[in-house]
Amino acid sequence: MSGKVIVFAEDECHLVWGDTIGYGWGRQNERTEVPIANVKQRQTYYGVMNLYNQEFILSPYEQGNGASTVSFLESLQVRYPDRQFIFLWDGARYHCSEEVQTYLTKVNKG
């Protein structure tokens, strides 16, 4: 089965727009304000590192949850249709969600 299994280290990060710091052009000695509609707005990224060849894959999602996790796993299956995966991941609640468990049971045929 050599070459048929990919071992991925997987994790997510959640960026909040208010966490970013930027620069812009403005008049000297005059504060320039940029209105932000929602400082709580977040962007979630799912990422995996192939532990054999160090290939890194990153995908944006609206949030970290069971549906996004399944969507990310499905995108990896499309990318590597003839491979099996082993995931090393943390204990995020949505990794163990009913949605993810149902998906994995289906994919692994029991």
N, C-alpha and C. Protein backbone atom coordinates (compact mmCIF):
# COMPACT_ATOMS: atom_id res chain seq x y z
N MET A 1 0.83 -1.20 0.00
CA MET A 1 0.00 0.00 0.00
C MET A 1 0.87 1.25 0.00
N SER A 2 2.14 1.11 -0.28
CA SER A 2 3.07 2.24 -0.30
C SER A 2 2.61 3.33 -1.25
N GLY A 3 2.60 4.56 -0.78
CA GLY A 3 2.18 5.69 -1.60
C GLY A 3 0.69 5.89 -1.66
N LYS A 4 -0.07 5.01 -1.04
CA LYS A 4 -1.53 5.11 -1.08
C LYS A 4 -2.11 5.84 0.13
N VAL A 5 -1.29 6.04 1.16
CA VAL A 5 -1.75 6.70 2.38
C VAL A 5 -0.99 8.00 2.56
N ILE A 6 -1.73 9.07 2.87
CA ILE A 6 -1.12 10.36 3.15
C ILE A 6 -1.38 10.69 4.62
N VAL A 7 -0.35 11.06 5.34
CA VAL A 7 -0.49 11.47 6.73
C VAL A 7 -0.45 12.99 6.76
N PHE A 8 -1.54 13.58 7.26
CA PHE A 8 -1.67 15.03 7.35
C PHE A 8 -1.69 15.49 8.80
N ALA A 9 -1.00 16.57 9.10
CA ALA A 9 -1.21 17.30 10.35
C ALA A 9 -2.20 18.40 9.99
N GLU A 10 -3.31 18.47 10.70
CA GLU A 10 -4.39 19.40 10.35
C GLU A 10 -4.68 20.32 11.51
N ASP A 11 -5.01 21.58 11.19
CA ASP A 11 -5.45 22.53 12.21
C ASP A 11 -6.20 23.67 11.55
N GLU A 12 -6.81 24.48 12.38
CA GLU A 12 -7.53 25.65 11.90
C GLU A 12 -7.00 26.88 12.63
N CYS A 13 -7.17 28.03 11.99
CA CYS A 13 -6.91 29.29 12.70
C CYS A 13 -8.09 30.20 12.43
N HIS A 14 -8.36 31.07 13.37
CA HIS A 14 -9.51 31.97 13.30
C HIS A 14 -8.99 33.40 13.47
N LEU A 15 -9.07 34.18 12.41
CA LEU A 15 -8.59 35.55 12.45
C LEU A 15 -9.77 36.50 12.60
N VAL A 16 -9.64 37.46 13.49
CA VAL A 16 -10.65 38.48 13.70
C VAL A 16 -10.14 39.75 13.06
N TRP A 17 -11.01 40.40 12.27
CA TRP A 17 -10.58 41.59 11.53
C TRP A 17 -9.97 42.64 12.45
N GLY A 18 -10.48 42.76 13.67
CA GLY A 18 -9.94 43.74 14.60
C GLY A 18 -8.52 43.44 15.03
N ASP A 19 -8.03 42.23 14.74
CA ASP A 19 -6.67 41.85 15.10
C ASP A 19 -5.63 42.41 14.14
N THR A 20 -6.06 42.86 12.98
CA THR A 20 -5.12 43.31 11.97
C THR A 20 -4.72 44.76 12.19
N ILE A 21 -3.50 45.05 11.84
CA ILE A 21 -2.99 46.42 11.93
C ILE A 21 -2.49 46.79 10.54
N GLY A 22 -2.87 47.96 10.07
CA GLY A 22 -2.46 48.36 8.74
C GLY A 22 -2.02 49.81 8.69
N TYR A 23 -1.54 50.19 7.55
CA TYR A 23 -1.10 51.56 7.32
C TYR A 23 -1.83 52.11 6.12
N GLY A 24 -2.01 53.39 6.06
CA GLY A 24 -2.65 54.04 4.92
C GLY A 24 -2.08 55.43 4.74
N TRP A 25 -2.42 56.01 3.63
CA TRP A 25 -1.98 57.37 3.34
C TRP A 25 -2.94 58.37 3.95
N GLY A 26 -2.42 59.43 4.50
CA GLY A 26 -3.24 60.49 5.07
C GLY A 26 -2.40 61.74 5.29
N ARG A 27 -3.07 62.79 5.68
CA ARG A 27 -2.34 64.05 5.93
C ARG A 27 -1.46 63.89 7.16
N GLN A 28 -0.29 64.49 7.09
CA GLN A 28 0.64 64.44 8.20
C GLN A 28 0.03 65.12 9.41
N ASN A 29 0.24 64.54 10.59
CA ASN A 29 -0.26 65.08 11.86
C ASN A 29 -1.78 65.12 11.94
N GLU A 30 -2.47 64.33 11.11
CA GLU A 30 -3.93 64.27 11.15
C GLU A 30 -4.35 62.80 11.17
N ARG A 31 -5.15 62.47 12.13
CA ARG A 31 -5.60 61.08 12.27
C ARG A 31 -6.59 60.74 11.15
N THR A 32 -6.37 59.62 10.49
CA THR A 32 -7.29 59.14 9.46
C THR A 32 -8.05 57.95 10.04
N GLU A 33 -9.36 58.03 10.04
CA GLU A 33 -10.17 56.95 10.58
C GLU A 33 -10.85 56.20 9.45
N VAL A 34 -10.85 54.90 9.59
CA VAL A 34 -11.52 54.03 8.63
C VAL A 34 -12.60 53.28 9.37
N PRO A 35 -13.87 53.50 9.00
CA PRO A 35 -14.94 52.82 9.72
C PRO A 35 -14.92 51.31 9.47
N ILE A 36 -15.10 50.54 10.54
CA ILE A 36 -15.17 49.08 10.44
C ILE A 36 -16.57 48.69 10.89
N ALA A 37 -17.30 48.05 9.99
CA ALA A 37 -18.69 47.70 10.27
C ALA A 37 -18.81 46.68 11.39
N ASN A 38 -17.92 45.71 11.44
CA ASN A 38 -18.03 44.65 12.42
C ASN A 38 -16.64 44.17 12.83
N VAL A 39 -16.14 44.65 13.95
CA VAL A 39 -14.80 44.25 14.39
C VAL A 39 -14.76 42.80 14.83
N LYS A 40 -15.91 42.17 15.02
CA LYS A 40 -15.97 40.77 15.44
C LYS A 40 -15.97 39.82 14.24
N GLN A 41 -16.01 40.36 13.02
CA GLN A 41 -16.02 39.50 11.84
C GLN A 41 -14.78 38.61 11.84
N ARG A 42 -14.99 37.33 11.54
CA ARG A 42 -13.90 36.36 11.58
C ARG A 42 -13.71 35.69 10.24
N GLN A 43 -12.53 35.22 10.03
CA GLN A 43 -12.24 34.36 8.88
C GLN A 43 -11.52 33.14 9.44
N THR A 44 -11.99 31.97 9.06
CA THR A 44 -11.40 30.72 9.52
C THR A 44 -10.65 30.08 8.36
N TYR A 45 -9.50 29.54 8.65
CA TYR A 45 -8.72 28.82 7.66
C TYR A 45 -8.45 27.41 8.17
N TYR A 46 -8.72 26.43 7.31
CA TYR A 46 -8.35 25.04 7.57
C TYR A 46 -7.06 24.78 6.80
N GLY A 47 -6.12 24.11 7.44
CA GLY A 47 -4.88 23.81 6.76
C GLY A 47 -4.36 22.43 7.12
N VAL A 48 -3.66 21.82 6.15
CA VAL A 48 -3.00 20.53 6.39
C VAL A 48 -1.59 20.58 5.85
N MET A 49 -0.72 19.85 6.52
CA MET A 49 0.65 19.67 6.06
C MET A 49 0.85 18.18 5.81
N ASN A 50 1.24 17.84 4.59
CA ASN A 50 1.59 16.47 4.26
C ASN A 50 2.92 16.19 4.95
N LEU A 51 2.93 15.25 5.88
CA LEU A 51 4.13 15.02 6.69
C LEU A 51 5.24 14.32 5.92
N TYR A 52 4.94 13.78 4.74
CA TYR A 52 5.97 13.12 3.94
C TYR A 52 6.71 14.13 3.06
N ASN A 53 5.96 14.93 2.28
CA ASN A 53 6.61 15.84 1.33
C ASN A 53 6.50 17.32 1.71
N GLN A 54 5.91 17.62 2.85
CA GLN A 54 5.75 18.97 3.39
C GLN A 54 4.86 19.87 2.52
N GLU A 55 4.03 19.30 1.66
CA GLU A 55 3.07 20.10 0.91
C GLU A 55 2.06 20.67 1.90
N PHE A 56 1.73 21.95 1.73
CA PHE A 56 0.80 22.63 2.62
C PHE A 56 -0.41 23.08 1.82
N ILE A 57 -1.60 22.80 2.34
CA ILE A 57 -2.86 23.18 1.69
C ILE A 57 -3.65 24.01 2.68
N LEU A 58 -4.15 25.16 2.23
CA LEU A 58 -4.89 26.09 3.08
C LEU A 58 -6.18 26.47 2.39
N SER A 59 -7.30 26.43 3.12
CA SER A 59 -8.60 26.79 2.55
C SER A 59 -9.39 27.66 3.52
N PRO A 60 -9.98 28.76 3.02
CA PRO A 60 -10.80 29.62 3.89
C PRO A 60 -12.22 29.08 4.05
N TYR A 61 -12.79 29.29 5.23
CA TYR A 61 -14.16 28.91 5.53
C TYR A 61 -14.79 29.99 6.38
N GLU A 62 -16.11 30.03 6.39
CA GLU A 62 -16.84 31.03 7.19
C GLU A 62 -16.63 30.81 8.68
N GLN A 63 -16.56 29.54 9.09
CA GLN A 63 -16.39 29.23 10.51
C GLN A 63 -15.87 27.81 10.68
N GLY A 64 -15.38 27.54 11.88
CA GLY A 64 -14.93 26.20 12.21
C GLY A 64 -16.08 25.43 12.81
N ASN A 65 -16.58 24.44 12.10
CA ASN A 65 -17.68 23.62 12.59
C ASN A 65 -17.67 22.28 11.85
N GLY A 66 -18.62 21.43 12.16
CA GLY A 66 -18.69 20.12 11.53
C GLY A 66 -18.86 20.21 10.02
N ALA A 67 -19.72 21.10 9.55
CA ALA A 67 -19.97 21.23 8.11
C ALA A 67 -18.71 21.68 7.37
N SER A 68 -17.99 22.64 7.92
CA SER A 68 -16.75 23.11 7.29
C SER A 68 -15.68 22.03 7.32
N THR A 69 -15.62 21.28 8.41
CA THR A 69 -14.64 20.20 8.52
C THR A 69 -14.91 19.15 7.45
N VAL A 70 -16.16 18.75 7.30
CA VAL A 70 -16.52 17.76 6.27
C VAL A 70 -16.22 18.32 4.88
N SER A 71 -16.54 19.56 4.64
CA SER A 71 -16.26 20.18 3.34
C SER A 71 -14.76 20.16 3.03
N PHE A 72 -13.95 20.46 4.03
CA PHE A 72 -12.50 20.45 3.83
C PHE A 72 -12.01 19.03 3.54
N LEU A 73 -12.51 18.04 4.29
CA LEU A 73 -12.12 16.65 4.05
C LEU A 73 -12.53 16.21 2.65
N GLU A 74 -13.72 16.62 2.22
CA GLU A 74 -14.18 16.29 0.87
C GLU A 74 -13.27 16.91 -0.20
N SER A 75 -12.81 18.15 0.05
CA SER A 75 -11.92 18.80 -0.93
C SER A 75 -10.60 18.05 -1.04
N LEU A 76 -10.14 17.47 0.06
CA LEU A 76 -8.92 16.67 0.01
C LEU A 76 -9.14 15.37 -0.77
N GLN A 77 -10.32 14.79 -0.62
CA GLN A 77 -10.64 13.57 -1.37
C GLN A 77 -10.69 13.84 -2.87
N VAL A 78 -11.19 14.99 -3.25
CA VAL A 78 -11.22 15.36 -4.67
C VAL A 78 -9.79 15.55 -5.18
N ARG A 79 -8.97 16.16 -4.37
CA ARG A 79 -7.58 16.42 -4.75
C ARG A 79 -6.75 15.13 -4.86
N TYR A 80 -7.04 14.17 -3.98
CA TYR A 80 -6.31 12.89 -3.94
C TYR A 80 -7.32 11.74 -3.97
N PRO A 81 -7.94 11.48 -5.11
CA PRO A 81 -9.06 10.51 -5.15
C PRO A 81 -8.69 9.06 -4.84
N ASP A 82 -7.46 8.66 -5.07
CA ASP A 82 -7.07 7.26 -4.89
C ASP A 82 -6.24 7.04 -3.63
N ARG A 83 -6.37 7.93 -2.66
CA ARG A 83 -5.56 7.84 -1.45
C ARG A 83 -6.42 7.69 -0.21
N GLN A 84 -5.81 7.11 0.80
CA GLN A 84 -6.41 7.09 2.13
C GLN A 84 -5.66 8.11 2.97
N PHE A 85 -6.31 8.63 3.99
CA PHE A 85 -5.71 9.67 4.82
C PHE A 85 -5.64 9.24 6.28
N ILE A 86 -4.59 9.70 6.92
CA ILE A 86 -4.49 9.65 8.39
C ILE A 86 -4.33 11.11 8.81
N PHE A 87 -5.20 11.56 9.72
CA PHE A 87 -5.15 12.94 10.19
C PHE A 87 -4.65 12.98 11.62
N LEU A 88 -3.72 13.87 11.87
CA LEU A 88 -3.30 14.20 13.23
C LEU A 88 -3.88 15.56 13.50
N TRP A 89 -4.81 15.62 14.44
CA TRP A 89 -5.44 16.89 14.73
C TRP A 89 -5.74 17.03 16.21
N ASP A 90 -6.03 18.26 16.59
CA ASP A 90 -6.26 18.53 18.01
C ASP A 90 -7.68 18.09 18.41
N GLY A 91 -8.07 18.45 19.59
CA GLY A 91 -9.37 18.01 20.11
C GLY A 91 -10.49 19.00 19.92
N ALA A 92 -10.48 19.74 18.81
CA ALA A 92 -11.58 20.70 18.57
C ALA A 92 -12.91 19.95 18.59
N ARG A 93 -13.92 20.56 19.19
CA ARG A 93 -15.24 19.93 19.32
C ARG A 93 -15.78 19.45 17.98
N TYR A 94 -15.62 20.28 16.96
CA TYR A 94 -16.23 19.93 15.67
C TYR A 94 -15.50 18.80 14.96
N HIS A 95 -14.27 18.45 15.37
CA HIS A 95 -13.60 17.28 14.79
C HIS A 95 -14.32 15.99 15.19
N CYS A 96 -14.99 16.03 16.32
CA CYS A 96 -15.69 14.85 16.83
C CYS A 96 -17.21 14.97 16.70
N SER A 97 -17.66 15.97 15.95
CA SER A 97 -19.09 16.22 15.83
C SER A 97 -19.80 15.05 15.14
N GLU A 98 -21.09 14.99 15.31
CA GLU A 98 -21.89 13.94 14.67
C GLU A 98 -21.74 14.00 13.15
N GLU A 99 -21.70 15.20 12.59
CA GLU A 99 -21.53 15.39 11.15
C GLU A 99 -20.24 14.74 10.64
N VAL A 100 -19.16 15.01 11.34
CA VAL A 100 -17.86 14.46 10.95
C VAL A 100 -17.84 12.94 11.15
N GLN A 101 -18.39 12.46 12.26
CA GLN A 101 -18.43 11.02 12.52
C GLN A 101 -19.24 10.29 11.44
N THR A 102 -20.37 10.86 11.05
CA THR A 102 -21.20 10.26 10.00
C THR A 102 -20.44 10.22 8.69
N TYR A 103 -19.76 11.30 8.36
CA TYR A 103 -18.97 11.35 7.12
C TYR A 103 -17.86 10.31 7.13
N LEU A 104 -17.11 10.24 8.22
CA LEU A 104 -16.00 9.30 8.30
C LEU A 104 -16.48 7.85 8.26
N THR A 105 -17.61 7.56 8.88
CA THR A 105 -18.18 6.22 8.83
C THR A 105 -18.53 5.85 7.39
N LYS A 106 -19.11 6.80 6.66
CA LYS A 106 -19.46 6.57 5.26
C LYS A 106 -18.21 6.34 4.40
N VAL A 107 -17.24 7.21 4.53
CA VAL A 107 -16.01 7.14 3.73
C VAL A 107 -15.21 5.88 4.04
N ASN A 108 -15.16 5.52 5.31
CA ASN A 108 -14.40 4.35 5.73
C ASN A 108 -15.20 3.06 5.65
N LYS A 109 -16.43 3.18 5.16
CA LYS A 109 -17.32 2.02 4.98
C LYS A 109 -17.48 1.23 6.27
N GLY A 110 -17.82 2.00 7.31
CA GLY A 110 -18.07 1.38 8.60
C GLY A 110 -16.98 1.67 9.56
